[in-house]
Amino acid sequence: MAIQAGERVPEGTLTQMTDKGPAPVTTAELFAGKKVVLFAVPGAFTPTCSRQHLPGYVAQHDKIKATGVDTIACLAVNDVFVMDAWGKGAGAEGKVLMLADGNADYAKALGMDVDFGKFGMGLRCKRFSMVVEDGVVKTLNVEQPGEFKVSSAEHTCGL
């Protein structure tokens, strides 16, 4: 069952790129005592994700942070090297934390996994966004298949 607004995010470990290489980041480290905007995409470098979703959060970074958000994070079922390259190519460095969920473990824990095997992409994450405060989901926006409306930076953050 998919996570719902009002619920605590599940525990898990994701991977981020650091100056010293790939490093784990637990959901406790990510969410505890913070206001976090987390958005998820089906895949790095895919058309909607690269042309609209990630660029929207990069462009709106300052406005989002001005609302009291501590961290803006992007989650995808890709490896950390792909997420790092995609973030750098999109100008996300210092603006959006790029989080890899290489085996879709966290997507599954959230109940947001989806099988894109028919597209040759395997198990992925649904497109969604959420605002999480101190580990509790305050708002959740899950896109319908093939759509990009409710998980945009503007909609998610009320900009």
C-alpha atoms as a PDB file:
ATOM      1  CA  MET A   1       0.000   0.000   0.000  1.00  0.00           C
ATOM      2  CA  ALA A   2       1.305   3.442  -0.900  1.00  0.00           C
ATOM      3  CA  ILE A   3       2.280   5.941   1.737  1.00  0.00           C
ATOM      4  CA  GLN A   4      -0.325   8.597   2.556  1.00  0.00           C
ATOM      5  CA  ALA A   5      -0.260  12.138   3.893  1.00  0.00           C
ATOM      6  CA  GLY A   6      -0.081  12.057   7.686  1.00  0.00           C
ATOM      7  CA  GLU A   7       2.072   8.942   7.787  1.00  0.00           C
ATOM      8  CA  ARG A   8       5.697   8.697   8.837  1.00  0.00           C
ATOM      9  CA  VAL A   9       8.115   7.923   6.000  1.00  0.00           C
ATOM     10  CA  PRO A  10       9.582   4.424   6.164  1.00  0.00           C
ATOM     11  CA  GLU A  11      13.157   3.881   7.225  1.00  0.00           C
ATOM     12  CA  GLY A  12      15.606   3.289   4.434  1.00  0.00           C
ATOM     13  CA  THR A  13      19.019   4.062   3.018  1.00  0.00           C
ATOM     14  CA  LEU A  14      19.676   5.851  -0.237  1.00  0.00           C
ATOM     15  CA  THR A  15      22.950   6.794  -1.906  1.00  0.00           C
ATOM     16  CA  GLN A  16      24.317  10.243  -2.650  1.00  0.00           C
ATOM     17  CA  MET A  17      27.509  11.359  -4.324  1.00  0.00           C
ATOM     18  CA  THR A  18      29.962  13.262  -2.157  1.00  0.00           C
ATOM     19  CA  ASP A  19      33.417  14.726  -2.735  1.00  0.00           C
ATOM     20  CA  LYS A  20      34.785  11.413  -1.454  1.00  0.00           C
ATOM     21  CA  GLY A  21      32.566   9.255  -3.679  1.00  0.00           C
ATOM     22  CA  PRO A  22      29.271   7.415  -3.148  1.00  0.00           C
ATOM     23  CA  ALA A  23      27.934   7.547   0.391  1.00  0.00           C
ATOM     24  CA  PRO A  24      24.822   6.231   2.111  1.00  0.00           C
ATOM     25  CA  VAL A  25      22.260   8.613   3.528  1.00  0.00           C
ATOM     26  CA  THR A  26      19.578   7.264   5.832  1.00  0.00           C
ATOM     27  CA  THR A  27      16.078   8.582   5.823  1.00  0.00           C
ATOM     28  CA  ALA A  28      16.591   9.546   9.469  1.00  0.00           C
ATOM     29  CA  GLU A  29      19.489  11.797   8.393  1.00  0.00           C
ATOM     30  CA  LEU A  30      17.464  13.192   5.530  1.00  0.00           C
ATOM     31  CA  PHE A  31      14.177  13.905   7.291  1.00  0.00           C
ATOM     32  CA  ALA A  32      14.695  14.182  11.084  1.00  0.00           C
ATOM     33  CA  GLY A  33      13.967  17.686  12.332  1.00  0.00           C
ATOM     34  CA  LYS A  34      13.789  19.085   8.787  1.00  0.00           C
ATOM     35  CA  LYS A  35      11.287  20.239   6.221  1.00  0.00           C
ATOM     36  CA  VAL A  36      12.091  18.395   2.998  1.00  0.00           C
ATOM     37  CA  VAL A  37      10.584  18.527  -0.459  1.00  0.00           C
ATOM     38  CA  LEU A  38      11.171  15.125  -2.038  1.00  0.00           C
ATOM     39  CA  PHE A  39      10.238  14.520  -5.629  1.00  0.00           C
ATOM     40  CA  ALA A  40      10.671  11.275  -7.519  1.00  0.00           C
ATOM     41  CA  VAL A  41      11.060  10.567 -11.195  1.00  0.00           C
ATOM     42  CA  PRO A  42      10.878   7.376 -13.258  1.00  0.00           C
ATOM     43  CA  GLY A  43      14.403   7.857 -14.554  1.00  0.00           C
ATOM     44  CA  ALA A  44      17.323  10.211 -14.922  1.00  0.00           C
ATOM     45  CA  PHE A  45      17.815  11.612 -18.411  1.00  0.00           C
ATOM     46  CA  THR A  46      14.302  10.604 -19.498  1.00  0.00           C
ATOM     47  CA  PRO A  47      12.379  13.270 -21.455  1.00  0.00           C
ATOM     48  CA  THR A  48       9.845  14.716 -18.985  1.00  0.00           C
ATOM     49  CA  CYS A  49      12.209  14.271 -16.056  1.00  0.00           C
ATOM     50  CA  SER A  50      15.035  16.130 -17.825  1.00  0.00           C
ATOM     51  CA  ARG A  51      13.045  18.812 -19.630  1.00  0.00           C
ATOM     52  CA  GLN A  52      10.545  19.737 -16.929  1.00  0.00           C
ATOM     53  CA  HIS A  53      10.637  17.970 -13.582  1.00  0.00           C
ATOM     54  CA  LEU A  54      14.212  18.432 -12.333  1.00  0.00           C
ATOM     55  CA  PRO A  55      14.701  21.795 -14.107  1.00  0.00           C
ATOM     56  CA  GLY A  56      11.587  23.151 -12.386  1.00  0.00           C
ATOM     57  CA  TYR A  57      12.990  22.452  -8.940  1.00  0.00           C
ATOM     58  CA  VAL A  58      16.392  23.850  -9.898  1.00  0.00           C
ATOM     59  CA  ALA A  59      14.810  27.054 -11.250  1.00  0.00           C
ATOM     60  CA  GLN A  60      12.536  27.473  -8.212  1.00  0.00           C
ATOM     61  CA  HIS A  61      15.231  26.637  -5.637  1.00  0.00           C
ATOM     62  CA  ASP A  62      15.420  30.089  -4.057  1.00  0.00           C
ATOM     63  CA  LYS A  63      11.638  30.507  -3.833  1.00  0.00           C
ATOM     64  CA  ILE A  64      11.232  27.031  -2.332  1.00  0.00           C
ATOM     65  CA  LYS A  65      13.965  27.590   0.250  1.00  0.00           C
ATOM     66  CA  ALA A  66      12.371  30.938   1.167  1.00  0.00           C
ATOM     67  CA  THR A  67       9.275  29.020   2.333  1.00  0.00           C
ATOM     68  CA  GLY A  68      11.312  27.337   5.075  1.00  0.00           C
ATOM     69  CA  VAL A  69      12.324  24.186   3.221  1.00  0.00           C
ATOM     70  CA  ASP A  70      15.654  22.805   4.436  1.00  0.00           C
ATOM     71  CA  THR A  71      16.296  20.330   1.611  1.00  0.00           C
ATOM     72  CA  ILE A  72      15.034  19.739  -1.905  1.00  0.00           C
ATOM     73  CA  ALA A  73      15.756  16.155  -2.952  1.00  0.00           C
ATOM     74  CA  CYS A  74      15.250  14.147  -6.133  1.00  0.00           C
ATOM     75  CA  LEU A  75      14.814  10.376  -5.955  1.00  0.00           C
ATOM     76  CA  ALA A  76      15.169   7.936  -8.852  1.00  0.00           C
ATOM     77  CA  VAL A  77      15.780   4.246  -9.388  1.00  0.00           C
ATOM     78  CA  ASN A  78      19.186   4.791 -10.959  1.00  0.00           C
ATOM     79  CA  ASP A  79      22.709   4.293  -9.699  1.00  0.00           C
ATOM     80  CA  VAL A  80      24.511   7.073  -7.866  1.00  0.00           C
ATOM     81  CA  PHE A  81      26.863   7.769 -10.789  1.00  0.00           C
ATOM     82  CA  VAL A  82      23.944   8.382 -13.138  1.00  0.00           C
ATOM     83  CA  MET A  83      22.211  10.590 -10.578  1.00  0.00           C
ATOM     84  CA  ASP A  84      25.408  12.588 -10.060  1.00  0.00           C
ATOM     85  CA  ALA A  85      25.956  13.116 -13.795  1.00  0.00           C
ATOM     86  CA  TRP A  86      22.319  14.047 -14.337  1.00  0.00           C
ATOM     87  CA  GLY A  87      22.382  16.542 -11.467  1.00  0.00           C
ATOM     88  CA  LYS A  88      25.566  18.155 -12.748  1.00  0.00           C
ATOM     89  CA  GLY A  89      24.184  18.360 -16.283  1.00  0.00           C
ATOM     90  CA  ALA A  90      20.989  19.982 -15.005  1.00  0.00           C
ATOM     91  CA  GLY A  91      22.744  22.549 -12.809  1.00  0.00           C
ATOM     92  CA  ALA A  92      21.339  20.958  -9.645  1.00  0.00           C
ATOM     93  CA  GLU A  93      24.583  21.060  -7.648  1.00  0.00           C
ATOM     94  CA  GLY A  94      24.025  22.885  -4.374  1.00  0.00           C
ATOM     95  CA  LYS A  95      20.297  23.137  -5.096  1.00  0.00           C
ATOM     96  CA  VAL A  96      18.810  19.649  -5.337  1.00  0.00           C
ATOM     97  CA  LEU A  97      20.149  16.626  -3.487  1.00  0.00           C
ATOM     98  CA  MET A  98      20.304  13.789  -6.012  1.00  0.00           C
ATOM     99  CA  LEU A  99      19.399  10.481  -4.339  1.00  0.00           C
ATOM    100  CA  ALA A 100      19.892   7.066  -5.907  1.00  0.00           C
ATOM    101  CA  ASP A 101      17.595   4.157  -5.087  1.00  0.00           C
ATOM    102  CA  GLY A 102      19.466   1.696  -7.282  1.00  0.00           C
ATOM    103  CA  ASN A 103      17.443  -1.423  -6.465  1.00  0.00           C
ATOM    104  CA  ALA A 104      14.097   0.369  -5.960  1.00  0.00           C
ATOM    105  CA  ASP A 105      14.128  -0.640  -2.295  1.00  0.00           C
ATOM    106  CA  TYR A 106      12.880   2.736  -1.091  1.00  0.00           C
ATOM    107  CA  ALA A 107      10.362   3.053  -3.917  1.00  0.00           C
ATOM    108  CA  LYS A 108       8.964  -0.304  -2.762  1.00  0.00           C
ATOM    109  CA  ALA A 109       8.954   0.794   0.903  1.00  0.00           C
ATOM    110  CA  LEU A 110       6.930   3.869  -0.093  1.00  0.00           C
ATOM    111  CA  GLY A 111       4.582   1.755  -2.201  1.00  0.00           C
ATOM    112  CA  MET A 112       5.556   3.890  -5.189  1.00  0.00           C
ATOM    113  CA  ASP A 113       7.292   1.249  -7.303  1.00  0.00           C
ATOM    114  CA  VAL A 114       6.095   0.597 -10.824  1.00  0.00           C
ATOM    115  CA  ASP A 115       7.136  -1.988 -13.404  1.00  0.00           C
ATOM    116  CA  PHE A 116       8.259  -0.348 -16.643  1.00  0.00           C
ATOM    117  CA  GLY A 117       9.553  -3.636 -18.048  1.00  0.00           C
ATOM    118  CA  LYS A 118       7.393  -3.223 -21.143  1.00  0.00           C
ATOM    119  CA  PHE A 119       9.499  -0.127 -21.920  1.00  0.00           C
ATOM    120  CA  GLY A 120      12.776  -1.930 -21.211  1.00  0.00           C
ATOM    121  CA  MET A 121      13.290   0.078 -18.010  1.00  0.00           C
ATOM    122  CA  GLY A 122      12.506  -2.540 -15.362  1.00  0.00           C
ATOM    123  CA  LEU A 123      11.320  -1.601 -11.874  1.00  0.00           C
ATOM    124  CA  ARG A 124      11.124   2.165 -11.344  1.00  0.00           C
ATOM    125  CA  CYS A 125       9.488   4.762  -9.130  1.00  0.00           C
ATOM    126  CA  LYS A 126       6.231   6.532  -9.871  1.00  0.00           C
ATOM    127  CA  ARG A 127       6.433  10.258 -10.505  1.00  0.00           C
ATOM    128  CA  PHE A 128       5.445  12.034  -7.291  1.00  0.00           C
ATOM    129  CA  SER A 129       6.320  14.777  -4.865  1.00  0.00           C
ATOM    130  CA  MET A 130       5.852  15.185  -1.157  1.00  0.00           C
ATOM    131  CA  VAL A 131       6.554  17.669   1.576  1.00  0.00           C
ATOM    132  CA  VAL A 132       7.898  15.932   4.670  1.00  0.00           C
ATOM    133  CA  GLU A 133       8.247  17.629   8.048  1.00  0.00           C
ATOM    134  CA  ASP A 134      10.298  15.841  10.690  1.00  0.00           C
ATOM    135  CA  GLY A 135       9.658  12.510   8.978  1.00  0.00           C
ATOM    136  CA  VAL A 136       5.894  12.927   8.523  1.00  0.00           C
ATOM    137  CA  VAL A 137       4.345  13.372   5.073  1.00  0.00           C
ATOM    138  CA  LYS A 138       2.405  16.640   5.059  1.00  0.00           C
ATOM    139  CA  THR A 139       1.410  16.633   1.392  1.00  0.00           C
ATOM    140  CA  LEU A 140       1.660  13.952  -1.269  1.00  0.00           C
ATOM    141  CA  ASN A 141       1.165  14.451  -5.008  1.00  0.00           C
ATOM    142  CA  VAL A 142       1.162  11.333  -7.178  1.00  0.00           C
ATOM    143  CA  GLU A 143       0.962  11.711 -10.937  1.00  0.00           C
ATOM    144  CA  GLN A 144      -1.328   9.653 -13.100  1.00  0.00           C
ATOM    145  CA  PRO A 145       0.587   7.529 -15.635  1.00  0.00           C
ATOM    146  CA  GLY A 146       2.054   9.684 -18.405  1.00  0.00           C
ATOM    147  CA  GLU A 147       1.183  12.983 -16.716  1.00  0.00           C
ATOM    148  CA  PHE A 148       3.237  15.803 -15.224  1.00  0.00           C
ATOM    149  CA  LYS A 149       1.036  18.224 -13.307  1.00  0.00           C
ATOM    150  CA  VAL A 150       0.777  17.800  -9.551  1.00  0.00           C
ATOM    151  CA  SER A 151       4.415  16.949  -8.768  1.00  0.00           C
ATOM    152  CA  SER A 152       5.890  20.108 -10.293  1.00  0.00           C
ATOM    153  CA  ALA A 153       7.822  22.528  -8.089  1.00  0.00           C
ATOM    154  CA  GLU A 154       5.119  25.163  -8.560  1.00  0.00           C
ATOM    155  CA  HIS A 155       2.246  22.893  -7.552  1.00  0.00           C
ATOM    156  CA  THR A 156       4.072  21.094  -4.740  1.00  0.00           C
ATOM    157  CA  CYS A 157       5.359  24.272  -3.099  1.00  0.00           C
ATOM    158  CA  GLY A 158       2.453  26.585  -3.918  1.00  0.00           C
ATOM    159  CA  LEU A 159       4.556  28.940  -6.019  1.00  0.00           C
END
